[in-house]
Each structure stands twice: as C-alpha cells, then as structure tokens.
Amino acid sequence: MDIIKRVENGQYNIQLVGKFTFADNQAFRQVINEIAPTAIKQIVFDMQRLEFVDSAALGMLLLAHDESLKHKKGPIILQNPDGQVRKMFSIARFDQYFQIT
C-alpha cells in the first residue's frame, strides 16, 4: 500500500492507495506516531483508491482511533470507502467509531 500524507487547513490528510494488509503495519504505525505530537485536531483517511482491507488493517484503524482519543485529536474521518472496503467497515460496525463519508 502507498501512503500519501499532506497537511492543509489544520487537517492531516492521509490517502491510502492499493491493498491495506498486515504487511503495512510498520508504515501505518509510523504515520500514527508522526501525528501524535502535532497540534492537528482533524485526521482524514482518504480511501478512494483503497482496493482491499484485511482484518489486520481493521485493527490498525482501531489503533489509530485509540491514539486519536488519547491525544485529543478529535474524530477520525474515513472518506470515500468503496466496494470491499466499505463492506468490511459495515461488517465491523466501524460507523460506531469513525465518521464515514
């Protein structure tokens, strides 16, 4: 998976491209650790180009949710999930933890 990061208007935008699996654990954790010490209060994961997530990816997103709460970053937005990704979020009831747009 490719991770494209940018900050604009006080928002940390992270575009996830490809397949998000256990193999991406270290890179994803690094992104989350980069956000923690910043003053940014809004985190958006753009998933328009994300094709697939596995159960490990779901766990990593929940870790991001927990870190966001711990560091008072506000709600995480999961933007533009489609296909298998949206289906996995529905099965996992992610709407209880994230804003999905």
N, C-alpha and C. Protein backbone atom coordinates (compact mmCIF):
# COMPACT_ATOMS: atom_id res chain seq x y z
N MET A 1 0.84 -1.17 0.00
CA MET A 1 0.00 0.00 0.00
C MET A 1 0.89 1.23 0.00
N ASP A 2 0.45 2.26 -0.69
CA ASP A 2 1.11 3.55 -0.66
C ASP A 2 0.35 4.47 0.28
N ILE A 3 1.11 5.29 1.01
CA ILE A 3 0.53 6.26 1.94
C ILE A 3 1.01 7.64 1.51
N ILE A 4 0.05 8.51 1.19
CA ILE A 4 0.37 9.86 0.76
C ILE A 4 -0.18 10.82 1.81
N LYS A 5 0.71 11.58 2.44
CA LYS A 5 0.32 12.46 3.55
C LYS A 5 0.42 13.92 3.14
N ARG A 6 -0.51 14.71 3.64
CA ARG A 6 -0.42 16.15 3.47
C ARG A 6 -1.22 16.83 4.58
N VAL A 7 -0.78 18.03 4.92
CA VAL A 7 -1.47 18.82 5.93
C VAL A 7 -2.01 20.06 5.25
N GLU A 8 -3.30 20.31 5.44
CA GLU A 8 -3.90 21.53 4.91
C GLU A 8 -5.06 21.95 5.77
N ASN A 9 -5.14 23.25 6.02
CA ASN A 9 -6.23 23.82 6.82
C ASN A 9 -6.38 23.16 8.19
N GLY A 10 -5.26 22.86 8.85
CA GLY A 10 -5.30 22.25 10.17
C GLY A 10 -5.77 20.81 10.17
N GLN A 11 -5.74 20.19 9.03
CA GLN A 11 -6.23 18.82 8.87
C GLN A 11 -5.11 17.95 8.33
N TYR A 12 -4.95 16.77 8.89
CA TYR A 12 -3.96 15.81 8.42
C TYR A 12 -4.68 14.85 7.48
N ASN A 13 -4.36 14.91 6.19
CA ASN A 13 -5.00 14.07 5.19
C ASN A 13 -4.05 12.94 4.81
N ILE A 14 -4.55 11.73 4.89
CA ILE A 14 -3.75 10.55 4.58
C ILE A 14 -4.49 9.76 3.52
N GLN A 15 -3.91 9.69 2.34
CA GLN A 15 -4.52 8.92 1.26
C GLN A 15 -3.90 7.53 1.26
N LEU A 16 -4.74 6.52 1.31
CA LEU A 16 -4.31 5.13 1.29
C LEU A 16 -4.60 4.57 -0.10
N VAL A 17 -3.58 3.99 -0.73
CA VAL A 17 -3.70 3.53 -2.11
C VAL A 17 -3.28 2.05 -2.20
N GLY A 18 -4.15 1.23 -2.80
CA GLY A 18 -3.81 -0.17 -3.02
C GLY A 18 -4.50 -1.10 -2.04
N LYS A 19 -3.73 -2.01 -1.46
CA LYS A 19 -4.25 -3.00 -0.52
C LYS A 19 -3.64 -2.77 0.85
N PHE A 20 -4.49 -2.64 1.87
CA PHE A 20 -4.08 -2.37 3.24
C PHE A 20 -4.14 -3.69 4.00
N THR A 21 -2.96 -4.25 4.31
CA THR A 21 -2.88 -5.56 4.95
C THR A 21 -1.89 -5.52 6.12
N PHE A 22 -1.72 -6.66 6.75
CA PHE A 22 -0.78 -6.78 7.87
C PHE A 22 0.62 -6.32 7.47
N ALA A 23 1.00 -6.50 6.23
CA ALA A 23 2.33 -6.11 5.77
C ALA A 23 2.57 -4.60 5.91
N ASP A 24 1.50 -3.83 6.04
CA ASP A 24 1.61 -2.37 6.15
C ASP A 24 1.66 -1.88 7.59
N ASN A 25 1.72 -2.81 8.53
CA ASN A 25 1.67 -2.50 9.95
C ASN A 25 2.70 -1.44 10.36
N GLN A 26 3.94 -1.67 10.03
CA GLN A 26 5.00 -0.76 10.47
C GLN A 26 4.86 0.63 9.85
N ALA A 27 4.59 0.72 8.57
CA ALA A 27 4.44 2.02 7.90
C ALA A 27 3.24 2.78 8.46
N PHE A 28 2.15 2.07 8.71
CA PHE A 28 0.95 2.72 9.24
C PHE A 28 1.19 3.22 10.66
N ARG A 29 1.83 2.43 11.48
CA ARG A 29 2.14 2.86 12.85
C ARG A 29 3.04 4.10 12.85
N GLN A 30 3.95 4.15 11.91
CA GLN A 30 4.84 5.31 11.80
C GLN A 30 4.02 6.58 11.52
N VAL A 31 3.05 6.48 10.64
CA VAL A 31 2.19 7.63 10.33
C VAL A 31 1.43 8.06 11.59
N ILE A 32 0.87 7.13 12.31
CA ILE A 32 0.12 7.44 13.52
C ILE A 32 1.03 8.09 14.56
N ASN A 33 2.25 7.59 14.69
CA ASN A 33 3.20 8.16 15.64
C ASN A 33 3.63 9.56 15.23
N GLU A 34 3.66 9.86 13.94
CA GLU A 34 4.00 11.20 13.46
C GLU A 34 2.91 12.21 13.83
N ILE A 35 1.68 11.78 13.83
CA ILE A 35 0.56 12.68 14.10
C ILE A 35 0.46 13.02 15.59
N ALA A 36 0.76 12.06 16.45
CA ALA A 36 0.53 12.20 17.90
C ALA A 36 1.08 13.50 18.50
N PRO A 37 2.32 13.89 18.23
CA PRO A 37 2.84 15.09 18.90
C PRO A 37 2.42 16.42 18.24
N THR A 38 1.69 16.37 17.15
CA THR A 38 1.32 17.61 16.45
C THR A 38 0.09 18.25 17.08
N ALA A 39 -0.14 19.50 16.71
CA ALA A 39 -1.31 20.23 17.21
C ALA A 39 -2.54 20.00 16.34
N ILE A 40 -2.42 19.19 15.31
CA ILE A 40 -3.52 18.93 14.38
C ILE A 40 -4.65 18.21 15.11
N LYS A 41 -5.87 18.68 14.87
CA LYS A 41 -7.04 18.13 15.56
C LYS A 41 -7.95 17.29 14.67
N GLN A 42 -7.70 17.26 13.37
CA GLN A 42 -8.58 16.52 12.46
C GLN A 42 -7.75 15.58 11.59
N ILE A 43 -8.14 14.33 11.55
CA ILE A 43 -7.46 13.32 10.75
C ILE A 43 -8.45 12.74 9.75
N VAL A 44 -8.06 12.75 8.48
CA VAL A 44 -8.91 12.22 7.42
C VAL A 44 -8.13 11.16 6.66
N PHE A 45 -8.68 9.96 6.58
CA PHE A 45 -8.12 8.91 5.74
C PHE A 45 -8.94 8.87 4.46
N ASP A 46 -8.31 9.25 3.35
CA ASP A 46 -8.97 9.20 2.04
C ASP A 46 -8.77 7.81 1.46
N MET A 47 -9.86 7.10 1.27
CA MET A 47 -9.80 5.70 0.85
C MET A 47 -10.35 5.49 -0.56
N GLN A 48 -10.43 6.55 -1.31
CA GLN A 48 -10.99 6.46 -2.66
C GLN A 48 -10.21 5.47 -3.53
N ARG A 49 -8.90 5.38 -3.32
CA ARG A 49 -8.07 4.49 -4.14
C ARG A 49 -7.64 3.23 -3.38
N LEU A 50 -8.30 2.95 -2.25
CA LEU A 50 -8.02 1.75 -1.48
C LEU A 50 -8.89 0.61 -2.00
N GLU A 51 -8.27 -0.48 -2.39
CA GLU A 51 -8.97 -1.59 -3.03
C GLU A 51 -9.39 -2.69 -2.06
N PHE A 52 -8.64 -2.84 -0.95
CA PHE A 52 -8.82 -4.01 -0.11
C PHE A 52 -8.32 -3.72 1.29
N VAL A 53 -9.01 -4.23 2.30
CA VAL A 53 -8.52 -4.23 3.68
C VAL A 53 -8.70 -5.63 4.26
N ASP A 54 -7.74 -6.04 5.08
CA ASP A 54 -7.90 -7.32 5.78
C ASP A 54 -8.17 -7.03 7.26
N SER A 55 -8.31 -8.08 8.04
CA SER A 55 -8.65 -7.89 9.46
C SER A 55 -7.54 -7.15 10.21
N ALA A 56 -6.30 -7.33 9.81
CA ALA A 56 -5.21 -6.61 10.45
C ALA A 56 -5.33 -5.11 10.19
N ALA A 57 -5.74 -4.73 8.98
CA ALA A 57 -5.94 -3.32 8.65
C ALA A 57 -7.04 -2.73 9.51
N LEU A 58 -8.11 -3.48 9.73
CA LEU A 58 -9.18 -3.01 10.60
C LEU A 58 -8.64 -2.75 12.00
N GLY A 59 -7.82 -3.66 12.48
CA GLY A 59 -7.20 -3.48 13.80
C GLY A 59 -6.31 -2.26 13.86
N MET A 60 -5.57 -1.99 12.79
CA MET A 60 -4.70 -0.82 12.76
C MET A 60 -5.53 0.47 12.76
N LEU A 61 -6.65 0.47 12.07
CA LEU A 61 -7.52 1.65 12.10
C LEU A 61 -8.10 1.86 13.50
N LEU A 62 -8.43 0.78 14.19
CA LEU A 62 -8.90 0.92 15.57
C LEU A 62 -7.79 1.45 16.47
N LEU A 63 -6.56 1.04 16.22
CA LEU A 63 -5.42 1.58 16.95
C LEU A 63 -5.32 3.10 16.71
N ALA A 64 -5.49 3.52 15.46
CA ALA A 64 -5.46 4.95 15.14
C ALA A 64 -6.57 5.68 15.89
N HIS A 65 -7.74 5.07 15.98
CA HIS A 65 -8.86 5.64 16.73
C HIS A 65 -8.48 5.84 18.20
N ASP A 66 -7.90 4.80 18.80
CA ASP A 66 -7.50 4.88 20.21
C ASP A 66 -6.44 5.97 20.43
N GLU A 67 -5.47 6.05 19.53
CA GLU A 67 -4.42 7.07 19.64
C GLU A 67 -5.01 8.46 19.49
N SER A 68 -5.97 8.60 18.60
CA SER A 68 -6.63 9.89 18.39
C SER A 68 -7.34 10.34 19.67
N LEU A 69 -8.02 9.42 20.32
CA LEU A 69 -8.68 9.75 21.59
C LEU A 69 -7.66 10.10 22.66
N LYS A 70 -6.61 9.31 22.74
CA LYS A 70 -5.57 9.50 23.75
C LYS A 70 -4.92 10.88 23.62
N HIS A 71 -4.70 11.34 22.40
CA HIS A 71 -4.02 12.61 22.16
C HIS A 71 -4.99 13.74 21.81
N LYS A 72 -6.29 13.50 22.04
CA LYS A 72 -7.33 14.52 21.83
C LYS A 72 -7.28 15.12 20.43
N LYS A 73 -7.25 14.27 19.42
CA LYS A 73 -7.20 14.71 18.03
C LYS A 73 -8.57 14.86 17.41
N GLY A 74 -9.61 14.46 18.09
CA GLY A 74 -10.94 14.56 17.51
C GLY A 74 -11.27 13.31 16.70
N PRO A 75 -12.45 13.31 16.11
CA PRO A 75 -12.88 12.12 15.37
C PRO A 75 -12.05 11.92 14.09
N ILE A 76 -11.87 10.68 13.75
CA ILE A 76 -11.19 10.32 12.50
C ILE A 76 -12.27 10.14 11.44
N ILE A 77 -12.01 10.69 10.27
CA ILE A 77 -12.94 10.54 9.15
C ILE A 77 -12.38 9.54 8.16
N LEU A 78 -13.18 8.54 7.82
CA LEU A 78 -12.83 7.58 6.78
C LEU A 78 -13.62 8.02 5.55
N GLN A 79 -12.91 8.55 4.58
CA GLN A 79 -13.55 9.20 3.44
C GLN A 79 -13.49 8.33 2.19
N ASN A 80 -14.61 8.23 1.51
CA ASN A 80 -14.71 7.56 0.20
C ASN A 80 -14.41 6.06 0.18
N PRO A 81 -14.73 5.30 1.22
CA PRO A 81 -14.52 3.86 1.09
C PRO A 81 -15.53 3.29 0.10
N ASP A 82 -15.12 2.27 -0.64
CA ASP A 82 -15.99 1.70 -1.66
C ASP A 82 -15.77 0.19 -1.73
N GLY A 83 -16.69 -0.50 -2.31
CA GLY A 83 -16.56 -1.93 -2.58
C GLY A 83 -16.28 -2.76 -1.34
N GLN A 84 -15.25 -3.59 -1.41
CA GLN A 84 -14.88 -4.49 -0.33
C GLN A 84 -14.54 -3.73 0.94
N VAL A 85 -13.92 -2.58 0.79
CA VAL A 85 -13.53 -1.78 1.95
C VAL A 85 -14.78 -1.32 2.71
N ARG A 86 -15.74 -0.76 2.00
CA ARG A 86 -16.99 -0.31 2.64
C ARG A 86 -17.71 -1.50 3.29
N LYS A 87 -17.71 -2.64 2.61
CA LYS A 87 -18.37 -3.83 3.15
C LYS A 87 -17.72 -4.27 4.46
N MET A 88 -16.38 -4.27 4.50
CA MET A 88 -15.68 -4.65 5.73
C MET A 88 -15.99 -3.66 6.87
N PHE A 89 -16.06 -2.37 6.56
CA PHE A 89 -16.39 -1.38 7.58
C PHE A 89 -17.80 -1.60 8.10
N SER A 90 -18.71 -1.99 7.22
CA SER A 90 -20.08 -2.26 7.63
C SER A 90 -20.15 -3.48 8.54
N ILE A 91 -19.47 -4.56 8.15
CA ILE A 91 -19.46 -5.79 8.94
C ILE A 91 -18.85 -5.53 10.32
N ALA A 92 -17.78 -4.74 10.35
CA ALA A 92 -17.08 -4.44 11.61
C ALA A 92 -17.76 -3.35 12.42
N ARG A 93 -18.85 -2.77 11.86
CA ARG A 93 -19.61 -1.70 12.52
C ARG A 93 -18.72 -0.50 12.86
N PHE A 94 -17.89 -0.14 11.91
CA PHE A 94 -16.97 0.98 12.09
C PHE A 94 -17.67 2.32 12.23
N ASP A 95 -18.93 2.39 11.84
CA ASP A 95 -19.66 3.64 11.98
C ASP A 95 -19.83 4.02 13.46
N GLN A 96 -19.58 3.08 14.37
CA GLN A 96 -19.65 3.37 15.80
C GLN A 96 -18.38 4.06 16.30
N TYR A 97 -17.29 3.99 15.53
CA TYR A 97 -16.01 4.52 15.95
C TYR A 97 -15.50 5.67 15.08
N PHE A 98 -15.95 5.70 13.85
CA PHE A 98 -15.44 6.67 12.88
C PHE A 98 -16.59 7.39 12.19
N GLN A 99 -16.27 8.56 11.66
CA GLN A 99 -17.18 9.22 10.72
C GLN A 99 -16.84 8.66 9.35
N ILE A 100 -17.81 8.07 8.69
CA ILE A 100 -17.58 7.50 7.35
C ILE A 100 -18.38 8.34 6.35
N THR A 101 -17.64 8.96 5.43
CA THR A 101 -18.31 9.85 4.46
C THR A 101 -18.04 9.38 3.04
